[in-house]
PDB file of N, CA and C in Angstrom:
ATOM      1  N   GLU A   1       0.841  -1.183   0.000  1.00  0.00           N
ATOM      2  CA  GLU A   1       0.000   0.000   0.000  1.00  0.00           C
ATOM      3  C   GLU A   1       0.882   1.242   0.000  1.00  0.00           C
ATOM      4  N   LEU A   2       0.563   2.198  -0.856  1.00  0.00           N
ATOM      5  CA  LEU A   2       1.246   3.484  -0.911  1.00  0.00           C
ATOM      6  C   LEU A   2       0.354   4.504  -0.235  1.00  0.00           C
ATOM      7  N   GLN A   3       0.910   5.207   0.748  1.00  0.00           N
ATOM      8  CA  GLN A   3       0.129   6.187   1.498  1.00  0.00           C
ATOM      9  C   GLN A   3       0.786   7.560   1.442  1.00  0.00           C
ATOM     10  N   PHE A   4      -0.028   8.552   1.190  1.00  0.00           N
ATOM     11  CA  PHE A   4       0.377   9.950   1.299  1.00  0.00           C
ATOM     12  C   PHE A   4      -0.344  10.477   2.536  1.00  0.00           C
ATOM     13  N   LYS A   5       0.408  10.949   3.506  1.00  0.00           N
ATOM     14  CA  LYS A   5      -0.186  11.427   4.749  1.00  0.00           C
ATOM     15  C   LYS A   5       0.116  12.909   4.933  1.00  0.00           C
ATOM     16  N   ASN A   6      -0.895  13.725   4.664  1.00  0.00           N
ATOM     17  CA  ASN A   6      -0.813  15.172   4.870  1.00  0.00           C
ATOM     18  C   ASN A   6       0.419  15.766   4.171  1.00  0.00           C
ATOM     19  N   VAL A   7       0.637  15.364   2.912  1.00  0.00           N
ATOM     20  CA  VAL A   7       1.830  15.785   2.162  1.00  0.00           C
ATOM     21  C   VAL A   7       1.639  17.192   1.603  1.00  0.00           C
ATOM     22  N   THR A   8       2.647  18.015   1.848  1.00  0.00           N
ATOM     23  CA  THR A   8       2.693  19.382   1.338  1.00  0.00           C
ATOM     24  C   THR A   8       4.055  19.584   0.696  1.00  0.00           C
ATOM     25  N   LYS A   9       4.074  20.294  -0.445  1.00  0.00           N
ATOM     26  CA  LYS A   9       5.342  20.666  -1.081  1.00  0.00           C
ATOM     27  C   LYS A   9       5.252  22.122  -1.485  1.00  0.00           C
ATOM     28  N   ASP A  10       6.159  22.908  -0.924  1.00  0.00           N
ATOM     29  CA  ASP A  10       6.221  24.338  -1.214  1.00  0.00           C
ATOM     30  C   ASP A  10       7.502  24.651  -1.973  1.00  0.00           C
ATOM     31  N   TYR A  11       7.398  25.608  -2.876  1.00  0.00           N
ATOM     32  CA  TYR A  11       8.550  26.177  -3.568  1.00  0.00           C
ATOM     33  C   TYR A  11       8.496  27.675  -3.295  1.00  0.00           C
ATOM     34  N   GLY A  12       9.197  28.080  -2.257  1.00  0.00           N
ATOM     35  CA  GLY A  12       9.093  29.478  -1.835  1.00  0.00           C
ATOM     36  C   GLY A  12       7.678  29.749  -1.357  1.00  0.00           C
ATOM     37  N   ASN A  13       7.026  30.737  -1.969  1.00  0.00           N
ATOM     38  CA  ASN A  13       5.647  31.088  -1.594  1.00  0.00           C
ATOM     39  C   ASN A  13       4.599  30.306  -2.378  1.00  0.00           C
ATOM     40  N   VAL A  14       5.044  29.424  -3.263  1.00  0.00           N
ATOM     41  CA  VAL A  14       4.117  28.653  -4.097  1.00  0.00           C
ATOM     42  C   VAL A  14       3.839  27.311  -3.427  1.00  0.00           C
ATOM     43  N   HIS A  15       2.568  27.002  -3.228  1.00  0.00           N
ATOM     44  CA  HIS A  15       2.152  25.724  -2.657  1.00  0.00           C
ATOM     45  C   HIS A  15       1.794  24.787  -3.813  1.00  0.00           C
ATOM     46  N   ALA A  16       2.743  23.951  -4.211  1.00  0.00           N
ATOM     47  CA  ALA A  16       2.517  23.038  -5.333  1.00  0.00           C
ATOM     48  C   ALA A  16       1.562  21.915  -4.942  1.00  0.00           C
ATOM     49  N   VAL A  17       1.672  21.433  -3.720  1.00  0.00           N
ATOM     50  CA  VAL A  17       0.810  20.377  -3.175  1.00  0.00           C
ATOM     51  C   VAL A  17       0.468  20.790  -1.754  1.00  0.00           C
ATOM     52  N   GLU A  18      -0.822  20.710  -1.397  1.00  0.00           N
ATOM     53  CA  GLU A  18      -1.231  21.123  -0.056  1.00  0.00           C
ATOM     54  C   GLU A  18      -2.013  20.034   0.646  1.00  0.00           C
ATOM     55  N   HIS A  19      -1.450  19.501   1.692  1.00  0.00           N
ATOM     56  CA  HIS A  19      -2.116  18.590   2.626  1.00  0.00           C
ATOM     57  C   HIS A  19      -2.850  17.436   1.938  1.00  0.00           C
ATOM     58  N   VAL A  20      -2.132  16.710   1.079  1.00  0.00           N
ATOM     59  CA  VAL A  20      -2.723  15.570   0.377  1.00  0.00           C
ATOM     60  C   VAL A  20      -2.626  14.334   1.261  1.00  0.00           C
ATOM     61  N   THR A  21      -3.759  13.694   1.476  1.00  0.00           N
ATOM     62  CA  THR A  21      -3.819  12.424   2.177  1.00  0.00           C
ATOM     63  C   THR A  21      -4.580  11.463   1.278  1.00  0.00           C
ATOM     64  N   HIS A  22      -3.912  10.369   0.918  1.00  0.00           N
ATOM     65  CA  HIS A  22      -4.529   9.392   0.014  1.00  0.00           C
ATOM     66  C   HIS A  22      -3.829   8.054   0.196  1.00  0.00           C
ATOM     67  N   SER A  23      -4.550   6.981  -0.053  1.00  0.00           N
ATOM     68  CA  SER A  23      -3.992   5.640   0.070  1.00  0.00           C
ATOM     69  C   SER A  23      -4.286   4.866  -1.206  1.00  0.00           C
ATOM     70  N   MET A  24      -3.301   4.113  -1.692  1.00  0.00           N
ATOM     71  CA  MET A  24      -3.461   3.298  -2.896  1.00  0.00           C
ATOM     72  C   MET A  24      -3.107   1.856  -2.571  1.00  0.00           C
ATOM     73  N   GLY A  25      -4.051   0.962  -2.804  1.00  0.00           N
ATOM     74  CA  GLY A  25      -3.815  -0.468  -2.613  1.00  0.00           C
ATOM     75  C   GLY A  25      -3.217  -1.078  -3.866  1.00  0.00           C
ATOM     76  N   LYS A  26      -3.338  -2.396  -4.007  1.00  0.00           N
ATOM     77  CA  LYS A  26      -2.799  -3.081  -5.182  1.00  0.00           C
ATOM     78  C   LYS A  26      -3.432  -2.533  -6.446  1.00  0.00           C
ATOM     79  N   GLY A  27      -2.633  -2.456  -7.491  1.00  0.00           N
ATOM     80  CA  GLY A  27      -3.130  -1.969  -8.766  1.00  0.00           C
ATOM     81  C   GLY A  27      -2.055  -1.220  -9.513  1.00  0.00           C
ATOM     82  N   VAL A  28      -2.435  -0.640 -10.631  1.00  0.00           N
ATOM     83  CA  VAL A  28      -1.544   0.166 -11.442  1.00  0.00           C
ATOM     84  C   VAL A  28      -2.113   1.571 -11.440  1.00  0.00           C
ATOM     85  N   TYR A  29      -1.300   2.529 -11.055  1.00  0.00           N
ATOM     86  CA  TYR A  29      -1.745   3.905 -10.940  1.00  0.00           C
ATOM     87  C   TYR A  29      -0.812   4.813 -11.727  1.00  0.00           C
ATOM     88  N   GLY A  30      -1.347   5.920 -12.171  1.00  0.00           N
ATOM     89  CA  GLY A  30      -0.544   6.959 -12.801  1.00  0.00           C
ATOM     90  C   GLY A  30      -0.763   8.259 -12.064  1.00  0.00           C
ATOM     91  N   LEU A  31       0.304   8.906 -11.679  1.00  0.00           N
ATOM     92  CA  LEU A  31       0.219  10.219 -11.048  1.00  0.00           C
ATOM     93  C   LEU A  31       0.590  11.251 -12.097  1.00  0.00           C
ATOM     94  N   LEU A  32      -0.344  12.113 -12.414  1.00  0.00           N
ATOM     95  CA  LEU A  32      -0.151  13.087 -13.479  1.00  0.00           C
ATOM     96  C   LEU A  32      -0.088  14.483 -12.902  1.00  0.00           C
ATOM     97  N   GLY A  33       0.695  15.307 -13.537  1.00  0.00           N
ATOM     98  CA  GLY A  33       0.772  16.713 -13.163  1.00  0.00           C
ATOM     99  C   GLY A  33       0.713  17.552 -14.426  1.00  0.00           C
ATOM    100  N   VAL A  34       0.846  18.847 -14.247  1.00  0.00           N
ATOM    101  CA  VAL A  34       0.857  19.746 -15.398  1.00  0.00           C
ATOM    102  C   VAL A  34       2.136  19.526 -16.191  1.00  0.00           C
ATOM    103  N   ASN A  35       2.186  20.047 -17.420  1.00  0.00           N
ATOM    104  CA  ASN A  35       3.401  19.918 -18.228  1.00  0.00           C
ATOM    105  C   ASN A  35       4.600  20.358 -17.404  1.00  0.00           C
ATOM    106  N   GLY A  36       5.651  19.553 -17.447  1.00  0.00           N
ATOM    107  CA  GLY A  36       6.855  19.868 -16.698  1.00  0.00           C
ATOM    108  C   GLY A  36       6.884  19.238 -15.329  1.00  0.00           C
ATOM    109  N   ALA A  37       5.803  18.611 -14.897  1.00  0.00           N
ATOM    110  CA  ALA A  37       5.767  18.025 -13.560  1.00  0.00           C
ATOM    111  C   ALA A  37       6.791  16.922 -13.398  1.00  0.00           C
ATOM    112  N   GLU A  38       7.128  16.246 -14.508  1.00  0.00           N
ATOM    113  CA  GLU A  38       8.111  15.179 -14.397  1.00  0.00           C
ATOM    114  C   GLU A  38       9.485  15.716 -14.011  1.00  0.00           C
ATOM    115  N   ASN A  39       9.690  17.019 -14.127  1.00  0.00           N
ATOM    116  CA  ASN A  39      10.965  17.607 -13.724  1.00  0.00           C
ATOM    117  C   ASN A  39      11.156  17.584 -12.217  1.00  0.00           C
ATOM    118  N   HIS A  40      10.144  17.233 -11.463  1.00  0.00           N
ATOM    119  CA  HIS A  40      10.250  17.205 -10.011  1.00  0.00           C
ATOM    120  C   HIS A  40      10.721  15.839  -9.516  1.00  0.00           C
ATOM    121  N   PHE A  41      11.248  15.030 -10.404  1.00  0.00           N
ATOM    122  CA  PHE A  41      11.820  13.740 -10.037  1.00  0.00           C
ATOM    123  C   PHE A  41      13.307  13.787 -10.306  1.00  0.00           C
ATOM    124  N   ASN A  42      14.055  13.111  -9.489  1.00  0.00           N
ATOM    125  CA  ASN A  42      15.490  13.025  -9.660  1.00  0.00           C
ATOM    126  C   ASN A  42      15.767  11.853 -10.606  1.00  0.00           C
ATOM    127  N   ALA A  43      16.216  12.148 -11.807  1.00  0.00           N
ATOM    128  CA  ALA A  43      16.422  11.088 -12.799  1.00  0.00           C
ATOM    129  C   ALA A  43      17.513  10.114 -12.376  1.00  0.00           C
ATOM    130  N   ASP A  44      18.433  10.548 -11.507  1.00  0.00           N
ATOM    131  CA  ASP A  44      19.511   9.667 -11.078  1.00  0.00           C
ATOM    132  C   ASP A  44      19.020   8.516 -10.222  1.00  0.00           C
ATOM    133  N   ASP A  45      18.023   8.777  -9.371  1.00  0.00           N
ATOM    134  CA  ASP A  45      17.605   7.692  -8.485  1.00  0.00           C
ATOM    135  C   ASP A  45      16.108   7.407  -8.523  1.00  0.00           C
ATOM    136  N   MET A  46      15.388   8.081  -9.428  1.00  0.00           N
ATOM    137  CA  MET A  46      13.959   7.810  -9.636  1.00  0.00           C
ATOM    138  C   MET A  46      13.144   7.935  -8.354  1.00  0.00           C
ATOM    139  N   THR A  47      13.523   8.797  -7.475  1.00  0.00           N
ATOM    140  CA  THR A  47      12.778   9.021  -6.246  1.00  0.00           C
ATOM    141  C   THR A  47      12.261  10.451  -6.260  1.00  0.00           C
ATOM    142  N   ALA A  48      11.017  10.627  -5.853  1.00  0.00           N
ATOM    143  CA  ALA A  48      10.461  11.969  -5.761  1.00  0.00           C
ATOM    144  C   ALA A  48      11.241  12.768  -4.731  1.00  0.00           C
ATOM    145  N   ILE A  49      11.296  14.077  -4.919  1.00  0.00           N
ATOM    146  CA  ILE A  49      11.979  14.922  -3.940  1.00  0.00           C
ATOM    147  C   ILE A  49      11.180  14.939  -2.644  1.00  0.00           C
ATOM    148  N   ASN A  50      11.844  15.247  -1.565  1.00  0.00           N
ATOM    149  CA  ASN A  50      11.207  15.238  -0.245  1.00  0.00           C
ATOM    150  C   ASN A  50      10.098  16.277  -0.154  1.00  0.00           C
ATOM    151  N   PRO A  51       8.998  15.919   0.482  1.00  0.00           N
ATOM    152  CA  PRO A  51       7.943  16.906   0.705  1.00  0.00           C
ATOM    153  C   PRO A  51       8.387  17.932   1.742  1.00  0.00           C
ATOM    154  N   THR A  52       7.763  19.086   1.725  1.00  0.00           N
ATOM    155  CA  THR A  52       8.016  20.098   2.738  1.00  0.00           C
ATOM    156  C   THR A  52       7.535  19.586   4.094  1.00  0.00           C
ATOM    157  N   SER A  53       6.392  18.914   4.074  1.00  0.00           N
ATOM    158  CA  SER A  53       5.879  18.289   5.291  1.00  0.00           C
ATOM    159  C   SER A  53       5.024  17.091   4.904  1.00  0.00           C
ATOM    160  N   GLY A  54       4.747  16.243   5.871  1.00  0.00           N
ATOM    161  CA  GLY A  54       3.957  15.040   5.635  1.00  0.00           C
ATOM    162  C   GLY A  54       4.841  13.834   5.374  1.00  0.00           C
ATOM    163  N   GLU A  55       4.194  12.709   5.089  1.00  0.00           N
ATOM    164  CA  GLU A  55       4.907  11.452   4.883  1.00  0.00           C
ATOM    165  C   GLU A  55       4.393  10.746   3.638  1.00  0.00           C
ATOM    166  N   ILE A  56       5.301  10.015   2.987  1.00  0.00           N
ATOM    167  CA  ILE A  56       4.934   9.105   1.907  1.00  0.00           C
ATOM    168  C   ILE A  56       5.443   7.738   2.331  1.00  0.00           C
ATOM    169  N   LEU A  57       4.525   6.790   2.485  1.00  0.00           N
ATOM    170  CA  LEU A  57       4.864   5.477   3.025  1.00  0.00           C
ATOM    171  C   LEU A  57       4.534   4.369   2.032  1.00  0.00           C
ATOM    172  N   TRP A  58       5.414   3.377   1.938  1.00  0.00           N
ATOM    173  CA  TRP A  58       5.161   2.150   1.176  1.00  0.00           C
ATOM    174  C   TRP A  58       5.126   1.018   2.186  1.00  0.00           C
ATOM    175  N   ASN A  59       3.979   0.381   2.298  1.00  0.00           N
ATOM    176  CA  ASN A  59       3.782  -0.700   3.270  1.00  0.00           C
ATOM    177  C   ASN A  59       4.224  -0.281   4.673  1.00  0.00           C
ATOM    178  N   GLY A  60       3.869   0.955   5.036  1.00  0.00           N
ATOM    179  CA  GLY A  60       4.118   1.467   6.372  1.00  0.00           C
ATOM    180  C   GLY A  60       5.502   2.017   6.623  1.00  0.00           C
ATOM    181  N   LYS A  61       6.388   1.994   5.609  1.00  0.00           N
ATOM    182  CA  LYS A  61       7.758   2.495   5.785  1.00  0.00           C
ATOM    183  C   LYS A  61       7.986   3.713   4.896  1.00  0.00           C
ATOM    184  N   ASP A  62       8.699   4.683   5.439  1.00  0.00           N
ATOM    185  CA  ASP A  62       9.024   5.899   4.715  1.00  0.00           C
ATOM    186  C   ASP A  62       9.784   5.564   3.428  1.00  0.00           C
ATOM    187  N   ILE A  63       9.319   6.076   2.268  1.00  0.00           N
ATOM    188  CA  ILE A  63       9.953   5.720   0.990  1.00  0.00           C
ATOM    189  C   ILE A  63      11.374   6.241   0.886  1.00  0.00           C
ATOM    190  N   PHE A  64      11.671   7.351   1.552  1.00  0.00           N
ATOM    191  CA  PHE A  64      12.992   7.956   1.415  1.00  0.00           C
ATOM    192  C   PHE A  64      14.053   7.203   2.206  1.00  0.00           C
ATOM    193  N   SER A  65      13.643   6.371   3.136  1.00  0.00           N
ATOM    194  CA  SER A  65      14.609   5.578   3.904  1.00  0.00           C
ATOM    195  C   SER A  65      14.817   4.194   3.291  1.00  0.00           C
ATOM    196  N   GLN A  66      14.031   3.852   2.258  1.00  0.00           N
ATOM    197  CA  GLN A  66      14.116   2.518   1.677  1.00  0.00           C
ATOM    198  C   GLN A  66      15.125   2.402   0.544  1.00  0.00           C
ATOM    199  N   GLY A  67      15.561   3.500  -0.024  1.00  0.00           N
ATOM    200  CA  GLY A  67      16.570   3.462  -1.080  1.00  0.00           C
ATOM    201  C   GLY A  67      16.162   2.601  -2.259  1.00  0.00           C
ATOM    202  N   ALA A  68      17.091   1.783  -2.724  1.00  0.00           N
ATOM    203  CA  ALA A  68      16.900   0.981  -3.936  1.00  0.00           C
ATOM    204  C   ALA A  68      15.751  -0.010  -3.822  1.00  0.00           C
ATOM    205  N   SER A  69      15.466  -0.507  -2.627  1.00  0.00           N
ATOM    206  CA  SER A  69      14.383  -1.493  -2.498  1.00  0.00           C
ATOM    207  C   SER A  69      13.032  -0.886  -2.870  1.00  0.00           C
ATOM    208  N   TYR A  70      12.837   0.386  -2.596  1.00  0.00           N
ATOM    209  CA  TYR A  70      11.589   1.043  -2.991  1.00  0.00           C
ATOM    210  C   TYR A  70      11.572   1.304  -4.495  1.00  0.00           C
ATOM    211  N   ARG A  71      12.702   1.729  -5.040  1.00  0.00           N
ATOM    212  CA  ARG A  71      12.755   2.056  -6.467  1.00  0.00           C
ATOM    213  C   ARG A  71      12.528   0.837  -7.348  1.00  0.00           C
ATOM    214  N   GLU A  72      12.762  -0.363  -6.835  1.00  0.00           N
ATOM    215  CA  GLU A  72      12.546  -1.576  -7.622  1.00  0.00           C
ATOM    216  C   GLU A  72      11.084  -1.781  -7.996  1.00  0.00           C
ATOM    217  N   ILE A  73      10.163  -1.210  -7.253  1.00  0.00           N
ATOM    218  CA  ILE A  73       8.742  -1.404  -7.551  1.00  0.00           C
ATOM    219  C   ILE A  73       8.164  -0.266  -8.396  1.00  0.00           C
ATOM    220  N   LEU A  74       8.963   0.760  -8.677  1.00  0.00           N
ATOM    221  CA  LEU A  74       8.485   1.918  -9.420  1.00  0.00           C
ATOM    222  C   LEU A  74       8.613   1.749 -10.914  1.00  0.00           C
ATOM    223  N   GLY A  75       7.722   2.356 -11.618  1.00  0.00           N
ATOM    224  CA  GLY A  75       7.854   2.547 -13.050  1.00  0.00           C
ATOM    225  C   GLY A  75       7.793   4.042 -13.293  1.00  0.00           C
ATOM    226  N   TYR A  76       8.335   4.502 -14.390  1.00  0.00           N
ATOM    227  CA  TYR A  76       8.352   5.939 -14.672  1.00  0.00           C
ATOM    228  C   TYR A  76       8.152   6.135 -16.157  1.00  0.00           C
ATOM    229  N   LEU A  77       7.158   6.918 -16.529  1.00  0.00           N
ATOM    230  CA  LEU A  77       6.916   7.246 -17.921  1.00  0.00           C
ATOM    231  C   LEU A  77       6.673   8.741 -18.010  1.00  0.00           C
ATOM    232  N   PRO A  78       7.648   9.499 -18.483  1.00  0.00           N
ATOM    233  CA  PRO A  78       7.458  10.944 -18.604  1.00  0.00           C
ATOM    234  C   PRO A  78       6.455  11.262 -19.698  1.00  0.00           C
ATOM    235  N   GLN A  79       5.880  12.449 -19.629  1.00  0.00           N
ATOM    236  CA  GLN A  79       4.912  12.863 -20.635  1.00  0.00           C
ATOM    237  C   GLN A  79       5.555  12.896 -22.018  1.00  0.00           C
ATOM    238  N   SER A  80       6.750  13.432 -22.086  1.00  0.00           N
ATOM    239  CA  SER A  80       7.504  13.463 -23.337  1.00  0.00           C
ATOM    240  C   SER A  80       8.742  12.609 -23.131  1.00  0.00           C
ATOM    241  N   TYR A  81       8.823  11.522 -23.833  1.00  0.00           N
ATOM    242  CA  TYR A  81       9.970  10.652 -23.651  1.00  0.00           C
ATOM    243  C   TYR A  81      10.878  10.733 -24.866  1.00  0.00           C
ATOM    244  N   GLY A  82      12.141  10.475 -24.612  1.00  0.00           N
ATOM    245  CA  GLY A  82      13.142  10.594 -25.660  1.00  0.00           C
ATOM    246  C   GLY A  82      13.123   9.428 -26.622  1.00  0.00           C
ATOM    247  N   PHE A  83      13.582   9.684 -27.788  1.00  0.00           N
ATOM    248  CA  PHE A  83      13.752   8.665 -28.809  1.00  0.00           C
ATOM    249  C   PHE A  83      15.248   8.582 -29.070  1.00  0.00           C
ATOM    250  N   TYR A  84      15.795   7.391 -29.047  1.00  0.00           N
ATOM    251  CA  TYR A  84      17.230   7.200 -29.187  1.00  0.00           C
ATOM    252  C   TYR A  84      17.525   6.478 -30.498  1.00  0.00           C
ATOM    253  N   PRO A  85      17.607   7.200 -31.602  1.00  0.00           N
ATOM    254  CA  PRO A  85      17.758   6.555 -32.911  1.00  0.00           C
ATOM    255  C   PRO A  85      19.082   5.816 -33.082  1.00  0.00           C
ATOM    256  N   ASP A  86      20.086   6.147 -32.277  1.00  0.00           N
ATOM    257  CA  ASP A  86      21.385   5.495 -32.413  1.00  0.00           C
ATOM    258  C   ASP A  86      21.499   4.216 -31.596  1.00  0.00           C
ATOM    259  N   LEU A  87      20.485   3.885 -30.793  1.00  0.00           N
ATOM    260  CA  LEU A  87      20.525   2.672 -29.969  1.00  0.00           C
ATOM    261  C   LEU A  87      19.766   1.547 -30.653  1.00  0.00           C
ATOM    262  N   SER A  88      20.361   0.373 -30.627  1.00  0.00           N
ATOM    263  CA  SER A  88      19.630  -0.808 -31.091  1.00  0.00           C
ATOM    264  C   SER A  88      18.610  -1.176 -30.009  1.00  0.00           C
ATOM    265  N   VAL A  89      17.699  -2.058 -30.321  1.00  0.00           N
ATOM    266  CA  VAL A  89      16.726  -2.514 -29.324  1.00  0.00           C
ATOM    267  C   VAL A  89      17.460  -3.131 -28.136  1.00  0.00           C
ATOM    268  N   TYR A  90      18.484  -3.915 -28.413  1.00  0.00           N
ATOM    269  CA  TYR A  90      19.269  -4.556 -27.357  1.00  0.00           C
ATOM    270  C   TYR A  90      19.923  -3.509 -26.452  1.00  0.00           C
ATOM    271  N   ASP A  91      20.554  -2.504 -27.057  1.00  0.00           N
ATOM    272  CA  ASP A  91      21.206  -1.456 -26.272  1.00  0.00           C
ATOM    273  C   ASP A  91      20.190  -0.655 -25.455  1.00  0.00           C
ATOM    274  N   TYR A  92      19.036  -0.403 -26.041  1.00  0.00           N
ATOM    275  CA  TYR A  92      17.990   0.322 -25.310  1.00  0.00           C
ATOM    276  C   TYR A  92      17.511  -0.498 -24.106  1.00  0.00           C
ATOM    277  N   MET A  93      17.342  -1.795 -24.297  1.00  0.00           N
ATOM    278  CA  MET A  93      16.923  -2.657 -23.183  1.00  0.00           C
ATOM    279  C   MET A  93      17.990  -2.678 -22.086  1.00  0.00           C
ATOM    280  N   LEU A  94      19.267  -2.693 -22.461  1.00  0.00           N
ATOM    281  CA  LEU A  94      20.339  -2.614 -21.467  1.00  0.00           C
ATOM    282  C   LEU A  94      20.274  -1.290 -20.707  1.00  0.00           C
ATOM    283  N   TYR A  95      19.995  -0.216 -21.416  1.00  0.00           N
ATOM    284  CA  TYR A  95      19.873   1.103 -20.794  1.00  0.00           C
ATOM    285  C   TYR A  95      18.734   1.122 -19.774  1.00  0.00           C
ATOM    286  N   ILE A  96      17.565   0.655 -20.162  1.00  0.00           N
ATOM    287  CA  ILE A  96      16.410   0.630 -19.258  1.00  0.00           C
ATOM    288  C   ILE A  96      16.683  -0.300 -18.080  1.00  0.00           C
ATOM    289  N   ALA A  97      17.292  -1.448 -18.337  1.00  0.00           N
ATOM    290  CA  ALA A  97      17.625  -2.381 -17.256  1.00  0.00           C
ATOM    291  C   ALA A  97      18.570  -1.732 -16.251  1.00  0.00           C
ATOM    292  N   SER A  98      19.523  -0.946 -16.739  1.00  0.00           N
ATOM    293  CA  SER A  98      20.471  -0.301 -15.828  1.00  0.00           C
ATOM    294  C   SER A  98      19.770   0.722 -14.940  1.00  0.00           C
ATOM    295  N   ILE A  99      18.771   1.415 -15.473  1.00  0.00           N
ATOM    296  CA  ILE A  99      17.996   2.367 -14.676  1.00  0.00           C
ATOM    297  C   ILE A  99      17.264   1.635 -13.554  1.00  0.00           C
ATOM    298  N   LYS A 100      16.758   0.454 -13.855  1.00  0.00           N
ATOM    299  CA  LYS A 100      16.007  -0.329 -12.871  1.00  0.00           C
ATOM    300  C   LYS A 100      16.909  -1.166 -11.973  1.00  0.00           C
ATOM    301  N   GLY A 101      18.223  -1.099 -12.193  1.00  0.00           N
ATOM    302  CA  GLY A 101      19.155  -1.842 -11.346  1.00  0.00           C
ATOM    303  C   GLY A 101      19.276  -3.309 -11.692  1.00  0.00           C
ATOM    304  N   ILE A 102      18.916  -3.671 -12.924  1.00  0.00           N
ATOM    305  CA  ILE A 102      19.000  -5.063 -13.374  1.00  0.00           C
ATOM    306  C   ILE A 102      20.336  -5.255 -14.075  1.00  0.00           C
ATOM    307  N   ARG A 103      21.113  -6.205 -13.594  1.00  0.00           N
ATOM    308  CA  ARG A 103      22.417  -6.465 -14.197  1.00  0.00           C
ATOM    309  C   ARG A 103      22.264  -7.358 -15.417  1.00  0.00           C
ATOM    310  N   PRO A 104      23.025  -7.073 -16.478  1.00  0.00           N
ATOM    311  CA  PRO A 104      22.939  -7.930 -17.662  1.00  0.00           C
ATOM    312  C   PRO A 104      23.578  -9.279 -17.429  1.00  0.00           C
ATOM    313  N   ILE A 105      23.067 -10.288 -18.085  1.00  0.00           N
ATOM    314  CA  ILE A 105      23.671 -11.619 -18.063  1.00  0.00           C
ATOM    315  C   ILE A 105      24.570 -11.691 -19.283  1.00  0.00           C
ATOM    316  N   MET A 106      25.827 -11.861 -19.052  1.00  0.00           N
ATOM    317  CA  MET A 106      26.789 -11.889 -20.151  1.00  0.00           C
ATOM    318  C   MET A 106      26.929 -13.309 -20.693  1.00  0.00           C
ATOM    319  N   ALA A 107      26.763 -13.443 -21.985  1.00  0.00           N
ATOM    320  CA  ALA A 107      26.933 -14.758 -22.628  1.00  0.00           C
ATOM    321  C   ALA A 107      28.410 -15.116 -22.654  1.00  0.00           C
ATOM    322  N   LYS A 108      28.694 -16.405 -22.477  1.00  0.00           N
ATOM    323  CA  LYS A 108      30.090 -16.864 -22.493  1.00  0.00           C
ATOM    324  C   LYS A 108      30.421 -17.477 -23.826  1.00  0.00           C
TER     325      LYS A 108
END
């Protein structure tokens, strides 16, 4: 279960998110924002930035303290995604696997 408990995110005087409380059970969900909202994610570790206040919990544990174990269950699809014409399908799959922390199996 993913829980948002009284989550607020401020950018200076701008309240981007105010006191959101919501719970999501099993299923597939998409969280959408206005154009550019995907910029509020850290592409290096696929974790949302810390809220100004409140908690985000996965199965009762703070997501920011879980590190890679939490990121293993995430998927990410930006509104505008890149096209890599110089990558083969194999190379693209290796790239996506590396983002998800999946090590390639090397043929001998």
